[in-house]
C-alpha atoms as a PDB file:
ATOM      1  CA  MET A   1     -51.575 -33.322  30.555  1.00  0.00           C
ATOM      2  CA  ARG A   2     -52.933 -35.714  33.215  1.00  0.00           C
ATOM      3  CA  ARG A   3     -56.490 -35.328  34.454  1.00  0.00           C
ATOM      4  CA  THR A   4     -55.347 -34.160  37.900  1.00  0.00           C
ATOM      5  CA  ALA A   5     -53.375 -31.334  36.376  1.00  0.00           C
ATOM      6  CA  ARG A   6     -56.236 -30.369  34.063  1.00  0.00           C
ATOM      7  CA  SER A   7     -58.608 -30.153  37.042  1.00  0.00           C
ATOM      8  CA  ALA A   8     -56.141 -27.926  38.876  1.00  0.00           C
ATOM      9  CA  LEU A   9     -55.915 -25.727  35.781  1.00  0.00           C
ATOM     10  CA  ILE A  10     -59.663 -25.179  35.824  1.00  0.00           C
ATOM     11  CA  ALA A  11     -59.562 -24.297  39.525  1.00  0.00           C
ATOM     12  CA  LEU A  12     -56.901 -21.708  38.906  1.00  0.00           C
ATOM     13  CA  VAL A  13     -58.843 -19.898  36.214  1.00  0.00           C
ATOM     14  CA  THR A  14     -62.016 -19.950  38.325  1.00  0.00           C
ATOM     15  CA  LEU A  15     -60.195 -18.504  41.311  1.00  0.00           C
ATOM     16  CA  GLY A  16     -58.518 -15.936  39.110  1.00  0.00           C
ATOM     17  CA  LEU A  17     -61.605 -14.605  37.307  1.00  0.00           C
ATOM     18  CA  GLY A  18     -64.649 -15.145  39.460  1.00  0.00           C
ATOM     19  CA  PRO A  19     -65.918 -13.223  42.467  1.00  0.00           C
ATOM     20  CA  ALA A  20     -65.142 -14.810  45.820  1.00  0.00           C
ATOM     21  CA  GLY A  21     -67.248 -17.877  46.472  1.00  0.00           C
ATOM     22  CA  SER A  22     -69.189 -17.641  43.194  1.00  0.00           C
ATOM     23  CA  GLY A  23     -67.533 -20.520  41.343  1.00  0.00           C
ATOM     24  CA  VAL A  24     -68.474 -18.792  38.068  1.00  0.00           C
ATOM     25  CA  PRO A  25     -66.381 -16.090  36.410  1.00  0.00           C
ATOM     26  CA  PRO A  26     -68.217 -12.871  35.523  1.00  0.00           C
ATOM     27  CA  ALA A  27     -68.751 -11.859  31.902  1.00  0.00           C
ATOM     28  CA  HIS A  28     -66.124  -9.129  32.308  1.00  0.00           C
ATOM     29  CA  ALA A  29     -63.148  -8.317  34.428  1.00  0.00           C
ATOM     30  CA  ASP A  30     -62.783  -5.150  36.482  1.00  0.00           C
ATOM     31  CA  LEU A  31     -62.581  -1.741  34.875  1.00  0.00           C
ATOM     32  CA  ASP A  32     -59.163  -1.154  33.359  1.00  0.00           C
ATOM     33  CA  THR A  33     -57.779   2.077  34.814  1.00  0.00           C
ATOM     34  CA  SER A  34     -54.163   1.450  33.779  1.00  0.00           C
ATOM     35  CA  ARG A  35     -54.198   4.383  31.373  1.00  0.00           C
ATOM     36  CA  LEU A  36     -54.962   6.687  34.292  1.00  0.00           C
ATOM     37  CA  ARG A  37     -52.568   5.393  36.955  1.00  0.00           C
ATOM     38  CA  ALA A  38     -50.394   8.479  36.614  1.00  0.00           C
ATOM     39  CA  ALA A  39     -53.390  10.783  37.125  1.00  0.00           C
ATOM     40  CA  ALA A  40     -53.781  10.516  40.881  1.00  0.00           C
ATOM     41  CA  ALA A  41     -54.636  14.174  41.482  1.00  0.00           C
ATOM     42  CA  PRO A  42     -58.203  15.516  41.237  1.00  0.00           C
ATOM     43  CA  PRO A  43     -59.203  16.339  37.659  1.00  0.00           C
ATOM     44  CA  ALA A  44     -58.005  19.755  36.591  1.00  0.00           C
ATOM     45  CA  ALA A  45     -60.656  22.295  35.646  1.00  0.00           C
ATOM     46  CA  PRO A  46     -59.595  22.219  31.957  1.00  0.00           C
ATOM     47  CA  GLU A  47     -60.163  18.437  31.863  1.00  0.00           C
ATOM     48  CA  ALA A  48     -63.661  18.732  33.302  1.00  0.00           C
ATOM     49  CA  SER A  49     -64.354  21.636  30.987  1.00  0.00           C
ATOM     50  CA  ARG A  50     -63.230  19.597  27.972  1.00  0.00           C
ATOM     51  CA  ALA A  51     -65.494  16.760  29.052  1.00  0.00           C
ATOM     52  CA  ARG A  52     -68.498  19.098  29.326  1.00  0.00           C
ATOM     53  CA  ALA A  53     -67.560  20.592  25.937  1.00  0.00           C
ATOM     54  CA  GLY A  54     -67.764  17.159  24.327  1.00  0.00           C
ATOM     55  CA  ASP A  55     -64.150  15.931  24.265  1.00  0.00           C
ATOM     56  CA  ALA A  56     -64.480  12.110  24.190  1.00  0.00           C
ATOM     57  CA  GLU A  57     -61.105  11.381  25.764  1.00  0.00           C
ATOM     58  CA  ALA A  58     -61.767  13.776  28.632  1.00  0.00           C
ATOM     59  CA  GLN A  59     -65.218  12.229  29.113  1.00  0.00           C
ATOM     60  CA  PHE A  60     -63.653   8.774  29.250  1.00  0.00           C
ATOM     61  CA  ARG A  61     -61.045   9.839  31.770  1.00  0.00           C
ATOM     62  CA  LEU A  62     -63.682  11.493  33.938  1.00  0.00           C
ATOM     63  CA  GLY A  63     -65.880   8.398  33.748  1.00  0.00           C
ATOM     64  CA  VAL A  64     -63.070   6.124  34.868  1.00  0.00           C
ATOM     65  CA  ARG A  65     -62.270   8.512  37.725  1.00  0.00           C
ATOM     66  CA  TYR A  66     -65.854   8.308  38.987  1.00  0.00           C
ATOM     67  CA  ALA A  67     -65.868   4.523  38.579  1.00  0.00           C
ATOM     68  CA  SER A  68     -62.633   4.047  40.549  1.00  0.00           C
ATOM     69  CA  GLY A  69     -62.836   6.997  42.961  1.00  0.00           C
ATOM     70  CA  ASN A  70     -59.555   8.324  41.589  1.00  0.00           C
ATOM     71  CA  GLY A  71     -59.364  12.012  42.543  1.00  0.00           C
ATOM     72  CA  VAL A  72     -63.154  12.282  42.955  1.00  0.00           C
ATOM     73  CA  PRO A  73     -65.704  10.527  45.195  1.00  0.00           C
ATOM     74  CA  ALA A  74     -66.676   7.187  43.637  1.00  0.00           C
ATOM     75  CA  ASP A  75     -70.001   7.525  41.865  1.00  0.00           C
ATOM     76  CA  PRO A  76     -70.974   4.656  39.513  1.00  0.00           C
ATOM     77  CA  THR A  77     -73.993   6.503  38.155  1.00  0.00           C
ATOM     78  CA  GLU A  78     -71.884   9.506  37.198  1.00  0.00           C
ATOM     79  CA  ALA A  79     -69.278   7.124  35.769  1.00  0.00           C
ATOM     80  CA  VAL A  80     -71.852   5.561  33.450  1.00  0.00           C
ATOM     81  CA  ARG A  81     -73.046   9.008  32.354  1.00  0.00           C
ATOM     82  CA  TRP A  82     -69.597  10.130  31.234  1.00  0.00           C
ATOM     83  CA  LEU A  83     -68.554   6.790  29.792  1.00  0.00           C
ATOM     84  CA  GLN A  84     -71.704   6.652  27.696  1.00  0.00           C
ATOM     85  CA  ARG A  85     -71.104  10.158  26.365  1.00  0.00           C
ATOM     86  CA  ALA A  86     -67.611   9.128  25.260  1.00  0.00           C
ATOM     87  CA  ALA A  87     -68.720   5.742  23.910  1.00  0.00           C
ATOM     88  CA  GLU A  88     -71.481   7.302  21.823  1.00  0.00           C
ATOM     89  CA  GLN A  89     -68.765   9.341  20.094  1.00  0.00           C
ATOM     90  CA  GLY A  90     -66.901   6.153  19.184  1.00  0.00           C
ATOM     91  CA  HIS A  91     -64.388   6.001  22.051  1.00  0.00           C
ATOM     92  CA  ALA A  92     -63.561   2.262  22.101  1.00  0.00           C
ATOM     93  CA  GLU A  93     -62.150   2.107  25.635  1.00  0.00           C
ATOM     94  CA  ALA A  94     -65.171   3.945  27.001  1.00  0.00           C
ATOM     95  CA  ALA A  95     -67.422   1.418  25.282  1.00  0.00           C
ATOM     96  CA  ALA A  96     -65.425  -1.438  26.832  1.00  0.00           C
ATOM     97  CA  SER A  97     -65.683   0.127  30.277  1.00  0.00           C
ATOM     98  CA  LEU A  98     -69.396   0.749  29.810  1.00  0.00           C
ATOM     99  CA  GLY A  99     -69.785  -2.935  28.973  1.00  0.00           C
ATOM    100  CA  VAL A 100     -68.232  -3.728  32.344  1.00  0.00           C
ATOM    101  CA  MET A 101     -70.656  -1.438  34.145  1.00  0.00           C
ATOM    102  CA  TYR A 102     -73.674  -3.082  32.525  1.00  0.00           C
ATOM    103  CA  SER A 103     -72.255  -6.552  33.225  1.00  0.00           C
ATOM    104  CA  GLU A 104     -71.674  -5.826  36.903  1.00  0.00           C
ATOM    105  CA  GLY A 105     -74.804  -3.694  37.413  1.00  0.00           C
ATOM    106  CA  GLU A 106     -72.737  -0.739  38.622  1.00  0.00           C
ATOM    107  CA  GLY A 107     -74.447   2.597  38.117  1.00  0.00           C
ATOM    108  CA  VAL A 108     -77.101   0.891  35.976  1.00  0.00           C
ATOM    109  CA  ALA A 109     -79.354  -2.156  36.219  1.00  0.00           C
ATOM    110  CA  GLN A 110     -77.457  -5.272  35.213  1.00  0.00           C
ATOM    111  CA  ASP A 111     -78.096  -5.991  31.532  1.00  0.00           C
ATOM    112  CA  LEU A 112     -75.911  -8.642  29.884  1.00  0.00           C
ATOM    113  CA  GLU A 113     -77.302  -7.989  26.408  1.00  0.00           C
ATOM    114  CA  ARG A 114     -76.396  -4.294  26.610  1.00  0.00           C
ATOM    115  CA  SER A 115     -73.051  -5.246  28.073  1.00  0.00           C
ATOM    116  CA  LEU A 116     -72.453  -7.483  25.084  1.00  0.00           C
ATOM    117  CA  ALA A 117     -73.513  -4.760  22.655  1.00  0.00           C
ATOM    118  CA  TRP A 118     -71.070  -2.245  24.136  1.00  0.00           C
ATOM    119  CA  SER A 119     -68.311  -4.879  24.167  1.00  0.00           C
ATOM    120  CA  ARG A 120     -68.939  -5.526  20.478  1.00  0.00           C
ATOM    121  CA  ARG A 121     -68.613  -1.806  19.731  1.00  0.00           C
ATOM    122  CA  ALA A 122     -65.429  -1.657  21.747  1.00  0.00           C
ATOM    123  CA  ALA A 123     -63.948  -4.683  19.980  1.00  0.00           C
ATOM    124  CA  ALA A 124     -64.860  -3.289  16.567  1.00  0.00           C
ATOM    125  CA  GLY A 125     -63.045  -0.094  17.554  1.00  0.00           C
ATOM    126  CA  GLY A 126     -59.872  -2.002  18.400  1.00  0.00           C
ATOM    127  CA  SER A 127     -60.165  -2.245  22.171  1.00  0.00           C
ATOM    128  CA  LEU A 128     -58.307  -5.263  23.515  1.00  0.00           C
ATOM    129  CA  ARG A 129     -60.454  -5.096  26.651  1.00  0.00           C
ATOM    130  CA  GLY A 130     -63.557  -5.270  24.453  1.00  0.00           C
ATOM    131  CA  GLN A 131     -62.181  -8.256  22.531  1.00  0.00           C
ATOM    132  CA  TYR A 132     -61.309 -10.044  25.766  1.00  0.00           C
ATOM    133  CA  SER A 133     -64.765  -9.305  27.185  1.00  0.00           C
ATOM    134  CA  LEU A 134     -66.395 -10.825  24.104  1.00  0.00           C
ATOM    135  CA  GLY A 135     -64.275 -13.937  24.592  1.00  0.00           C
ATOM    136  CA  LEU A 136     -65.474 -14.208  28.173  1.00  0.00           C
ATOM    137  CA  ALA A 137     -69.109 -13.675  27.192  1.00  0.00           C
ATOM    138  CA  TYR A 138     -68.990 -16.386  24.528  1.00  0.00           C
ATOM    139  CA  TYR A 139     -67.091 -18.753  26.795  1.00  0.00           C
ATOM    140  CA  HIS A 140     -69.620 -18.495  29.623  1.00  0.00           C
ATOM    141  CA  GLY A 141     -72.717 -17.889  27.499  1.00  0.00           C
ATOM    142  CA  GLN A 142     -73.569 -14.581  29.159  1.00  0.00           C
ATOM    143  CA  GLY A 143     -75.764 -12.362  27.024  1.00  0.00           C
ATOM    144  CA  VAL A 144     -75.198 -14.696  24.082  1.00  0.00           C
ATOM    145  CA  GLU A 145     -75.349 -18.400  23.298  1.00  0.00           C
ATOM    146  CA  ARG A 146     -72.254 -20.231  24.524  1.00  0.00           C
ATOM    147  CA  ASP A 147     -69.777 -20.739  21.687  1.00  0.00           C
ATOM    148  CA  PHE A 148     -66.233 -21.985  22.316  1.00  0.00           C
ATOM    149  CA  GLY A 149     -65.222 -21.252  18.723  1.00  0.00           C
ATOM    150  CA  GLN A 150     -66.127 -17.565  19.091  1.00  0.00           C
ATOM    151  CA  ALA A 151     -64.539 -17.433  22.544  1.00  0.00           C
ATOM    152  CA  LEU A 152     -61.318 -18.811  21.109  1.00  0.00           C
ATOM    153  CA  GLU A 153     -61.372 -16.306  18.228  1.00  0.00           C
ATOM    154  CA  TRP A 154     -61.840 -13.255  20.451  1.00  0.00           C
ATOM    155  CA  TYR A 155     -59.304 -14.441  23.029  1.00  0.00           C
ATOM    156  CA  ARG A 156     -56.835 -14.944  20.192  1.00  0.00           C
ATOM    157  CA  ARG A 157     -57.379 -11.462  18.818  1.00  0.00           C
ATOM    158  CA  ALA A 158     -56.826  -9.885  22.221  1.00  0.00           C
ATOM    159  CA  ALA A 159     -53.855 -12.166  22.911  1.00  0.00           C
ATOM    160  CA  LEU A 160     -52.163 -11.176  19.650  1.00  0.00           C
ATOM    161  CA  GLY A 161     -52.678  -7.567  20.701  1.00  0.00           C
ATOM    162  CA  GLY A 162     -50.690  -8.278  23.878  1.00  0.00           C
ATOM    163  CA  TYR A 163     -53.497  -8.742  26.435  1.00  0.00           C
ATOM    164  CA  PRO A 164     -52.145 -11.077  29.159  1.00  0.00           C
ATOM    165  CA  GLU A 165     -55.482 -12.326  30.534  1.00  0.00           C
ATOM    166  CA  ALA A 166     -56.587 -13.296  27.023  1.00  0.00           C
ATOM    167  CA  MET A 167     -53.330 -15.203  26.553  1.00  0.00           C
ATOM    168  CA  ASN A 168     -53.978 -17.132  29.769  1.00  0.00           C
ATOM    169  CA  ASN A 169     -57.548 -18.031  28.802  1.00  0.00           C
ATOM    170  CA  LEU A 170     -56.505 -18.976  25.278  1.00  0.00           C
ATOM    171  CA  ALA A 171     -53.913 -21.304  26.782  1.00  0.00           C
ATOM    172  CA  ILE A 172     -56.515 -22.894  29.007  1.00  0.00           C
ATOM    173  CA  MET A 173     -58.745 -23.612  26.033  1.00  0.00           C
ATOM    174  CA  TYR A 174     -55.825 -25.306  24.252  1.00  0.00           C
ATOM    175  CA  GLY A 175     -54.985 -27.245  27.408  1.00  0.00           C
ATOM    176  CA  LEU A 176     -58.564 -28.495  27.809  1.00  0.00           C
ATOM    177  CA  GLY A 177     -59.324 -28.943  24.125  1.00  0.00           C
ATOM    178  CA  GLU A 178     -62.248 -26.502  24.154  1.00  0.00           C
ATOM    179  CA  GLY A 179     -63.175 -25.267  20.695  1.00  0.00           C
ATOM    180  CA  VAL A 180     -59.893 -26.595  19.371  1.00  0.00           C
ATOM    181  CA  PRO A 181     -57.974 -29.899  19.411  1.00  0.00           C
ATOM    182  CA  ARG A 182     -56.126 -30.220  22.699  1.00  0.00           C
ATOM    183  CA  ASP A 183     -52.523 -29.056  22.385  1.00  0.00           C
ATOM    184  CA  ASP A 184     -50.460 -28.941  25.580  1.00  0.00           C
ATOM    185  CA  VAL A 185     -47.417 -27.475  23.824  1.00  0.00           C
ATOM    186  CA  GLU A 186     -49.465 -24.569  22.428  1.00  0.00           C
ATOM    187  CA  ALA A 187     -51.044 -24.078  25.854  1.00  0.00           C
ATOM    188  CA  TYR A 188     -47.623 -23.992  27.505  1.00  0.00           C
ATOM    189  CA  ALA A 189     -46.407 -21.386  24.997  1.00  0.00           C
ATOM    190  CA  TRP A 190     -49.313 -19.050  25.708  1.00  0.00           C
ATOM    191  CA  PHE A 191     -48.930 -19.508  29.455  1.00  0.00           C
ATOM    192  CA  ILE A 192     -45.284 -18.485  29.120  1.00  0.00           C
ATOM    193  CA  LEU A 193     -46.198 -15.351  27.166  1.00  0.00           C
ATOM    194  CA  SER A 194     -48.954 -14.347  29.586  1.00  0.00           C
ATOM    195  CA  ALA A 195     -46.764 -14.954  32.647  1.00  0.00           C
ATOM    196  CA  ASP A 196     -43.952 -12.904  31.085  1.00  0.00           C
ATOM    197  CA  ARG A 197     -46.431 -10.004  30.930  1.00  0.00           C
ATOM    198  CA  GLY A 198     -47.259 -10.245  34.608  1.00  0.00           C
ATOM    199  CA  ASP A 199     -50.363 -12.472  34.808  1.00  0.00           C
ATOM    200  CA  GLU A 200     -50.044 -14.368  38.108  1.00  0.00           C
ATOM    201  CA  ASN A 201     -52.587 -17.056  37.211  1.00  0.00           C
ATOM    202  CA  ALA A 202     -50.698 -17.743  33.999  1.00  0.00           C
ATOM    203  CA  ALA A 203     -47.460 -18.159  35.958  1.00  0.00           C
ATOM    204  CA  LYS A 204     -49.142 -20.796  38.130  1.00  0.00           C
ATOM    205  CA  ASN A 205     -50.605 -22.508  35.079  1.00  0.00           C
ATOM    206  CA  ARG A 206     -47.245 -22.370  33.281  1.00  0.00           C
ATOM    207  CA  ASP A 207     -45.498 -24.088  36.180  1.00  0.00           C
ATOM    208  CA  LEU A 208     -48.271 -26.653  36.556  1.00  0.00           C
ATOM    209  CA  THR A 209     -48.155 -27.460  32.843  1.00  0.00           C
ATOM    210  CA  ALA A 210     -44.352 -27.669  32.815  1.00  0.00           C
ATOM    211  CA  GLU A 211     -44.507 -30.383  35.482  1.00  0.00           C
ATOM    212  CA  GLU A 212     -46.691 -32.493  33.197  1.00  0.00           C
ATOM    213  CA  LEU A 213     -44.599 -32.120  30.036  1.00  0.00           C
ATOM    214  CA  ASP A 214     -41.430 -33.991  29.203  1.00  0.00           C
ATOM    215  CA  ALA A 215     -38.254 -32.054  28.391  1.00  0.00           C
ATOM    216  CA  GLY A 216     -38.829 -32.236  24.639  1.00  0.00           C
ATOM    217  CA  ALA A 217     -42.348 -30.865  24.907  1.00  0.00           C
ATOM    218  CA  ARG A 218     -41.177 -28.048  27.176  1.00  0.00           C
ATOM    219  CA  GLU A 219     -38.511 -27.096  24.658  1.00  0.00           C
ATOM    220  CA  ARG A 220     -41.073 -27.070  21.851  1.00  0.00           C
ATOM    221  CA  GLY A 221     -43.352 -24.889  23.943  1.00  0.00           C
ATOM    222  CA  GLU A 222     -40.577 -22.420  24.651  1.00  0.00           C
ATOM    223  CA  ALA A 223     -39.663 -22.311  20.972  1.00  0.00           C
ATOM    224  CA  ARG A 224     -43.312 -21.752  20.069  1.00  0.00           C
ATOM    225  CA  ALA A 225     -43.516 -18.895  22.575  1.00  0.00           C
ATOM    226  CA  ARG A 226     -40.526 -17.222  20.899  1.00  0.00           C
ATOM    227  CA  GLU A 227     -42.188 -17.691  17.530  1.00  0.00           C
ATOM    228  CA  LEU A 228     -45.485 -16.225  18.742  1.00  0.00           C
ATOM    229  CA  THR A 229     -43.703 -13.209  20.233  1.00  0.00           C
ATOM    230  CA  ARG A 230     -42.940 -12.011  16.709  1.00  0.00           C
ATOM    231  CA  SER A 231     -46.686 -11.878  15.945  1.00  0.00           C
ATOM    232  CA  ILE A 232     -47.755 -10.019  19.070  1.00  0.00           C
ATOM    233  CA  ARG A 233     -48.212  -6.275  18.845  1.00  0.00           C
END
């Protein structure tokens, strides 16, 4: 991949992950509310009652509602309260979301070390969001010493679980040779897989990379993507 293309690749990931004008991606992406998209109505009384009674899933759902303003007035402090209750009971997605809140300083004082700790708990519990967040933290050295090898490992785990953003970032690391020998064919394969799952930055990176590869390399990348598909959950 020529240097001009590699520079453009970096610009795309910065624009895709960082806050406007910052030039530096945050340690975590936005709260993932995809599990609750169908729940647009205000929380039913039984759901709130279950949360108060200690049901971890109900607490998580209520926390995400307060974080996103879905069916209730947005209240980051209340979001943190419910997410923490669920996370302390071992709810992995609540722990991942709590890591986001600490990273962004929403509802709590910003604390990257606590953010990292909650992300670790989330990742250990099988949360793809938590695994992806650990990859970001290690890549940017936020709350932990920068370590491309660890970033690559956590991106890979999340990518094999089917997390599109992790696939895109894993591809970028292959394309730039960060923490791993540079491999444009492997990068192209992961860009394909991420783009197929709806990641717009990956689609741009896929097309950019395709322009820099010859026909044979593109065919090998497409074959590798098909091979990797069999390993993705």
